[in-house]
Amino acid sequence: MPVTSAKQHSITTPVTLSQRVVIAVGASLLGLCLVYFAGFSHIEAVHNAAHDTRHSAAFPCH
């Protein structure tokens, strides 16, 4: 039985500038929320996990 390969068609969809802006703003907001949560969290496990990283980035946590 011979081995045959099927043609693979790649479908590309163009991403508009407005879609790129929405993605960038969404990613930035998510990042800011994560930094805010880790920086001002009173949960001891989160505080201990991010403690050294926050201090090395000069982000106050005390």
PDB file of N, CA and C in Angstrom:
ATOM      1  N   MET A   1       0.840  -1.167   0.000  1.00  0.00           N
ATOM      2  CA  MET A   1       0.000   0.000   0.000  1.00  0.00           C
ATOM      3  C   MET A   1       0.894   1.242   0.000  1.00  0.00           C
ATOM      4  N   PRO A   2       0.806   2.078  -1.011  1.00  0.00           N
ATOM      5  CA  PRO A   2       1.640   3.278  -1.050  1.00  0.00           C
ATOM      6  C   PRO A   2       1.148   4.325  -0.053  1.00  0.00           C
ATOM      7  N   VAL A   3       2.089   5.062   0.475  1.00  0.00           N
ATOM      8  CA  VAL A   3       1.765   6.127   1.408  1.00  0.00           C
ATOM      9  C   VAL A   3       1.527   7.404   0.613  1.00  0.00           C
ATOM     10  N   THR A   4       0.389   7.984   0.804  1.00  0.00           N
ATOM     11  CA  THR A   4       0.072   9.241   0.118  1.00  0.00           C
ATOM     12  C   THR A   4      -0.137  10.323   1.157  1.00  0.00           C
ATOM     13  N   SER A   5       0.162  11.508   0.777  1.00  0.00           N
ATOM     14  CA  SER A   5      -0.056  12.624   1.689  1.00  0.00           C
ATOM     15  C   SER A   5      -1.164  13.507   1.141  1.00  0.00           C
ATOM     16  N   ALA A   6      -2.012  13.915   2.012  1.00  0.00           N
ATOM     17  CA  ALA A   6      -3.105  14.811   1.629  1.00  0.00           C
ATOM     18  C   ALA A   6      -2.591  16.238   1.646  1.00  0.00           C
ATOM     19  N   LYS A   7      -3.096  17.029   0.742  1.00  0.00           N
ATOM     20  CA  LYS A   7      -2.723  18.444   0.722  1.00  0.00           C
ATOM     21  C   LYS A   7      -3.328  19.135   1.932  1.00  0.00           C
ATOM     22  N   GLN A   8      -2.512  19.919   2.562  1.00  0.00           N
ATOM     23  CA  GLN A   8      -3.014  20.689   3.694  1.00  0.00           C
ATOM     24  C   GLN A   8      -3.238  22.119   3.239  1.00  0.00           C
ATOM     25  N   HIS A   9      -4.420  22.578   3.464  1.00  0.00           N
ATOM     26  CA  HIS A   9      -4.763  23.946   3.084  1.00  0.00           C
ATOM     27  C   HIS A   9      -4.700  24.811   4.334  1.00  0.00           C
ATOM     28  N   SER A  10      -3.925  25.840   4.273  1.00  0.00           N
ATOM     29  CA  SER A  10      -3.888  26.764   5.404  1.00  0.00           C
ATOM     30  C   SER A  10      -4.800  27.936   5.092  1.00  0.00           C
ATOM     31  N   ILE A  11      -5.670  28.191   6.013  1.00  0.00           N
ATOM     32  CA  ILE A  11      -6.612  29.294   5.858  1.00  0.00           C
ATOM     33  C   ILE A  11      -6.123  30.433   6.738  1.00  0.00           C
ATOM     34  N   THR A  12      -5.867  31.549   6.127  1.00  0.00           N
ATOM     35  CA  THR A  12      -5.442  32.708   6.895  1.00  0.00           C
ATOM     36  C   THR A  12      -6.558  33.737   6.884  1.00  0.00           C
ATOM     37  N   THR A  13      -6.799  34.281   8.049  1.00  0.00           N
ATOM     38  CA  THR A  13      -7.795  35.339   8.140  1.00  0.00           C
ATOM     39  C   THR A  13      -7.073  36.617   8.525  1.00  0.00           C
ATOM     40  N   PRO A  14      -7.288  37.653   7.785  1.00  0.00           N
ATOM     41  CA  PRO A  14      -6.611  38.908   8.102  1.00  0.00           C
ATOM     42  C   PRO A  14      -7.146  39.509   9.403  1.00  0.00           C
ATOM     43  N   VAL A  15      -6.241  40.033  10.191  1.00  0.00           N
ATOM     44  CA  VAL A  15      -6.616  40.688  11.441  1.00  0.00           C
ATOM     45  C   VAL A  15      -6.526  42.187  11.216  1.00  0.00           C
ATOM     46  N   THR A  16      -7.630  42.862  11.455  1.00  0.00           N
ATOM     47  CA  THR A  16      -7.663  44.298  11.213  1.00  0.00           C
ATOM     48  C   THR A  16      -6.962  45.043  12.343  1.00  0.00           C
ATOM     49  N   LEU A  17      -6.661  46.285  12.105  1.00  0.00           N
ATOM     50  CA  LEU A  17      -6.005  47.118  13.103  1.00  0.00           C
ATOM     51  C   LEU A  17      -6.873  47.274  14.342  1.00  0.00           C
ATOM     52  N   SER A  18      -8.165  47.430  14.163  1.00  0.00           N
ATOM     53  CA  SER A  18      -9.045  47.588  15.325  1.00  0.00           C
ATOM     54  C   SER A  18      -9.077  46.313  16.167  1.00  0.00           C
ATOM     55  N   GLN A  19      -8.999  45.144  15.539  1.00  0.00           N
ATOM     56  CA  GLN A  19      -8.949  43.900  16.293  1.00  0.00           C
ATOM     57  C   GLN A  19      -7.638  43.793  17.069  1.00  0.00           C
ATOM     58  N   ARG A  20      -6.550  44.229  16.470  1.00  0.00           N
ATOM     59  CA  ARG A  20      -5.263  44.210  17.155  1.00  0.00           C
ATOM     60  C   ARG A  20      -5.265  45.142  18.354  1.00  0.00           C
ATOM     61  N   VAL A  21      -5.898  46.297  18.217  1.00  0.00           N
ATOM     62  CA  VAL A  21      -5.980  47.251  19.323  1.00  0.00           C
ATOM     63  C   VAL A  21      -6.805  46.659  20.459  1.00  0.00           C
ATOM     64  N   VAL A  22      -7.911  46.013  20.140  1.00  0.00           N
ATOM     65  CA  VAL A  22      -8.755  45.396  21.164  1.00  0.00           C
ATOM     66  C   VAL A  22      -7.986  44.296  21.890  1.00  0.00           C
ATOM     67  N   ILE A  23      -7.238  43.492  21.171  1.00  0.00           N
ATOM     68  CA  ILE A  23      -6.442  42.423  21.785  1.00  0.00           C
ATOM     69  C   ILE A  23      -5.364  43.021  22.684  1.00  0.00           C
ATOM     70  N   ALA A  24      -4.692  44.061  22.225  1.00  0.00           N
ATOM     71  CA  ALA A  24      -3.629  44.691  23.015  1.00  0.00           C
ATOM     72  C   ALA A  24      -4.190  45.328  24.284  1.00  0.00           C
ATOM     73  N   VAL A  25      -5.315  46.001  24.183  1.00  0.00           N
ATOM     74  CA  VAL A  25      -5.927  46.629  25.357  1.00  0.00           C
ATOM     75  C   VAL A  25      -6.392  45.555  26.343  1.00  0.00           C
ATOM     76  N   GLY A  26      -6.987  44.494  25.839  1.00  0.00           N
ATOM     77  CA  GLY A  26      -7.431  43.406  26.710  1.00  0.00           C
ATOM     78  C   GLY A  26      -6.264  42.744  27.437  1.00  0.00           C
ATOM     79  N   ALA A  27      -5.176  42.497  26.724  1.00  0.00           N
ATOM     80  CA  ALA A  27      -3.996  41.894  27.348  1.00  0.00           C
ATOM     81  C   ALA A  27      -3.384  42.831  28.385  1.00  0.00           C
ATOM     82  N   SER A  28      -3.376  44.118  28.097  1.00  0.00           N
ATOM     83  CA  SER A  28      -2.831  45.089  29.051  1.00  0.00           C
ATOM     84  C   SER A  28      -3.680  45.158  30.313  1.00  0.00           C
ATOM     85  N   LEU A  29      -4.987  45.163  30.158  1.00  0.00           N
ATOM     86  CA  LEU A  29      -5.873  45.185  31.330  1.00  0.00           C
ATOM     87  C   LEU A  29      -5.721  43.920  32.168  1.00  0.00           C
ATOM     88  N   LEU A  30      -5.595  42.779  31.511  1.00  0.00           N
ATOM     89  CA  LEU A  30      -5.382  41.533  32.241  1.00  0.00           C
ATOM     90  C   LEU A  30      -4.070  41.587  33.010  1.00  0.00           C
ATOM     91  N   GLY A  31      -3.018  42.081  32.386  1.00  0.00           N
ATOM     92  CA  GLY A  31      -1.727  42.199  33.055  1.00  0.00           C
ATOM     93  C   GLY A  31      -1.777  43.140  34.240  1.00  0.00           C
ATOM     94  N   LEU A  32      -2.443  44.276  34.076  1.00  0.00           N
ATOM     95  CA  LEU A  32      -2.566  45.218  35.186  1.00  0.00           C
ATOM     96  C   LEU A  32      -3.358  44.632  36.349  1.00  0.00           C
ATOM     97  N   CYS A  33      -4.402  43.894  36.037  1.00  0.00           N
ATOM     98  CA  CYS A  33      -5.187  43.250  37.097  1.00  0.00           C
ATOM     99  C   CYS A  33      -4.345  42.223  37.849  1.00  0.00           C
ATOM    100  N   LEU A  34      -3.536  41.461  37.136  1.00  0.00           N
ATOM    101  CA  LEU A  34      -2.685  40.466  37.792  1.00  0.00           C
ATOM    102  C   LEU A  34      -1.633  41.131  38.669  1.00  0.00           C
ATOM    103  N   VAL A  35      -1.035  42.211  38.188  1.00  0.00           N
ATOM    104  CA  VAL A  35      -0.037  42.930  38.989  1.00  0.00           C
ATOM    105  C   VAL A  35      -0.697  43.545  40.211  1.00  0.00           C
ATOM    106  N   TYR A  36      -1.864  44.131  40.035  1.00  0.00           N
ATOM    107  CA  TYR A  36      -2.587  44.728  41.165  1.00  0.00           C
ATOM    108  C   TYR A  36      -2.936  43.662  42.201  1.00  0.00           C
ATOM    109  N   PHE A  37      -3.437  42.520  41.745  1.00  0.00           N
ATOM    110  CA  PHE A  37      -3.816  41.449  42.655  1.00  0.00           C
ATOM    111  C   PHE A  37      -2.608  40.934  43.428  1.00  0.00           C
ATOM    112  N   ALA A  38      -1.511  40.686  42.737  1.00  0.00           N
ATOM    113  CA  ALA A  38      -0.312  40.163  43.409  1.00  0.00           C
ATOM    114  C   ALA A  38       0.325  41.219  44.299  1.00  0.00           C
ATOM    115  N   GLY A  39       0.243  42.470  43.908  1.00  0.00           N
ATOM    116  CA  GLY A  39       0.893  43.522  44.673  1.00  0.00           C
ATOM    117  C   GLY A  39       0.169  43.905  45.943  1.00  0.00           C
ATOM    118  N   PHE A  40      -1.133  43.823  45.944  1.00  0.00           N
ATOM    119  CA  PHE A  40      -1.899  44.278  47.098  1.00  0.00           C
ATOM    120  C   PHE A  40      -2.724  43.170  47.747  1.00  0.00           C
ATOM    121  N   SER A  41      -2.372  41.929  47.458  1.00  0.00           N
ATOM    122  CA  SER A  41      -3.100  40.802  48.021  1.00  0.00           C
ATOM    123  C   SER A  41      -2.734  40.607  49.483  1.00  0.00           C
ATOM    124  N   HIS A  42      -3.725  40.325  50.300  1.00  0.00           N
ATOM    125  CA  HIS A  42      -3.493  40.036  51.707  1.00  0.00           C
ATOM    126  C   HIS A  42      -3.498  38.527  51.957  1.00  0.00           C
ATOM    127  N   ILE A  43      -3.611  37.751  50.862  1.00  0.00           N
ATOM    128  CA  ILE A  43      -3.537  36.303  50.980  1.00  0.00           C
ATOM    129  C   ILE A  43      -2.068  35.936  51.152  1.00  0.00           C
ATOM    130  N   GLU A  44      -1.750  35.259  52.232  1.00  0.00           N
ATOM    131  CA  GLU A  44      -0.345  35.007  52.561  1.00  0.00           C
ATOM    132  C   GLU A  44       0.356  34.160  51.506  1.00  0.00           C
ATOM    133  N   ALA A  45      -0.333  33.188  50.918  1.00  0.00           N
ATOM    134  CA  ALA A  45       0.301  32.341  49.903  1.00  0.00           C
ATOM    135  C   ALA A  45       0.686  33.157  48.668  1.00  0.00           C
ATOM    136  N   VAL A  46      -0.180  34.061  48.257  1.00  0.00           N
ATOM    137  CA  VAL A  46       0.128  34.913  47.100  1.00  0.00           C
ATOM    138  C   VAL A  46       1.256  35.870  47.455  1.00  0.00           C
ATOM    139  N   HIS A  47       1.195  36.419  48.652  1.00  0.00           N
ATOM    140  CA  HIS A  47       2.233  37.346  49.088  1.00  0.00           C
ATOM    141  C   HIS A  47       3.596  36.663  49.111  1.00  0.00           C
ATOM    142  N   ASN A  48       3.673  35.484  49.691  1.00  0.00           N
ATOM    143  CA  ASN A  48       4.948  34.779  49.776  1.00  0.00           C
ATOM    144  C   ASN A  48       5.452  34.345  48.407  1.00  0.00           C
ATOM    145  N   ALA A  49       4.558  33.969  47.508  1.00  0.00           N
ATOM    146  CA  ALA A  49       4.970  33.517  46.178  1.00  0.00           C
ATOM    147  C   ALA A  49       5.559  34.655  45.358  1.00  0.00           C
ATOM    148  N   ALA A  50       5.057  35.853  45.535  1.00  0.00           N
ATOM    149  CA  ALA A  50       5.506  36.973  44.712  1.00  0.00           C
ATOM    150  C   ALA A  50       6.386  37.961  45.469  1.00  0.00           C
ATOM    151  N   HIS A  51       6.709  37.658  46.715  1.00  0.00           N
ATOM    152  CA  HIS A  51       7.406  38.615  47.572  1.00  0.00           C
ATOM    153  C   HIS A  51       8.744  39.065  47.007  1.00  0.00           C
ATOM    154  N   ASP A  52       9.620  38.133  46.699  1.00  0.00           N
ATOM    155  CA  ASP A  52      10.953  38.487  46.211  1.00  0.00           C
ATOM    156  C   ASP A  52      10.893  39.176  44.854  1.00  0.00           C
ATOM    157  N   THR A  53       9.985  38.730  44.014  1.00  0.00           N
ATOM    158  CA  THR A  53       9.848  39.352  42.694  1.00  0.00           C
ATOM    159  C   THR A  53       9.390  40.790  42.818  1.00  0.00           C
ATOM    160  N   ARG A  54       8.455  41.042  43.718  1.00  0.00           N
ATOM    161  CA  ARG A  54       7.973  42.420  43.899  1.00  0.00           C
ATOM    162  C   ARG A  54       9.083  43.317  44.415  1.00  0.00           C
ATOM    163  N   HIS A  55       9.857  42.835  45.377  1.00  0.00           N
ATOM    164  CA  HIS A  55      10.936  43.658  45.908  1.00  0.00           C
ATOM    165  C   HIS A  55      12.019  43.906  44.861  1.00  0.00           C
ATOM    166  N   SER A  56      12.331  42.909  44.037  1.00  0.00           N
ATOM    167  CA  SER A  56      13.357  43.104  43.014  1.00  0.00           C
ATOM    168  C   SER A  56      12.891  44.082  41.941  1.00  0.00           C
ATOM    169  N   ALA A  57      11.568  44.219  41.779  1.00  0.00           N
ATOM    170  CA  ALA A  57      11.027  45.172  40.802  1.00  0.00           C
ATOM    171  C   ALA A  57      10.683  46.506  41.456  1.00  0.00           C
ATOM    172  N   ALA A  58      11.064  46.697  42.708  1.00  0.00           N
ATOM    173  CA  ALA A  58      10.806  47.929  43.471  1.00  0.00           C
ATOM    174  C   ALA A  58       9.314  48.199  43.611  1.00  0.00           C
ATOM    175  N   PHE A  59       8.522  47.140  43.720  1.00  0.00           N
ATOM    176  CA  PHE A  59       7.079  47.254  43.902  1.00  0.00           C
ATOM    177  C   PHE A  59       6.783  47.082  45.378  1.00  0.00           C
ATOM    178  N   PRO A  60       6.244  48.097  46.038  1.00  0.00           N
ATOM    179  CA  PRO A  60       6.034  48.001  47.492  1.00  0.00           C
ATOM    180  C   PRO A  60       4.953  46.979  47.837  1.00  0.00           C
ATOM    181  N   CYS A  61       5.191  46.269  48.898  1.00  0.00           N
ATOM    182  CA  CYS A  61       4.180  45.305  49.326  1.00  0.00           C
ATOM    183  C   CYS A  61       3.945  45.333  50.821  1.00  0.00           C
ATOM    184  N   HIS A  62       4.626  46.200  51.554  1.00  0.00           N
ATOM    185  CA  HIS A  62       4.441  46.268  53.006  1.00  0.00           C
ATOM    186  C   HIS A  62       3.897  47.626  53.368  1.00  0.00           C
TER     187      HIS A  62
END
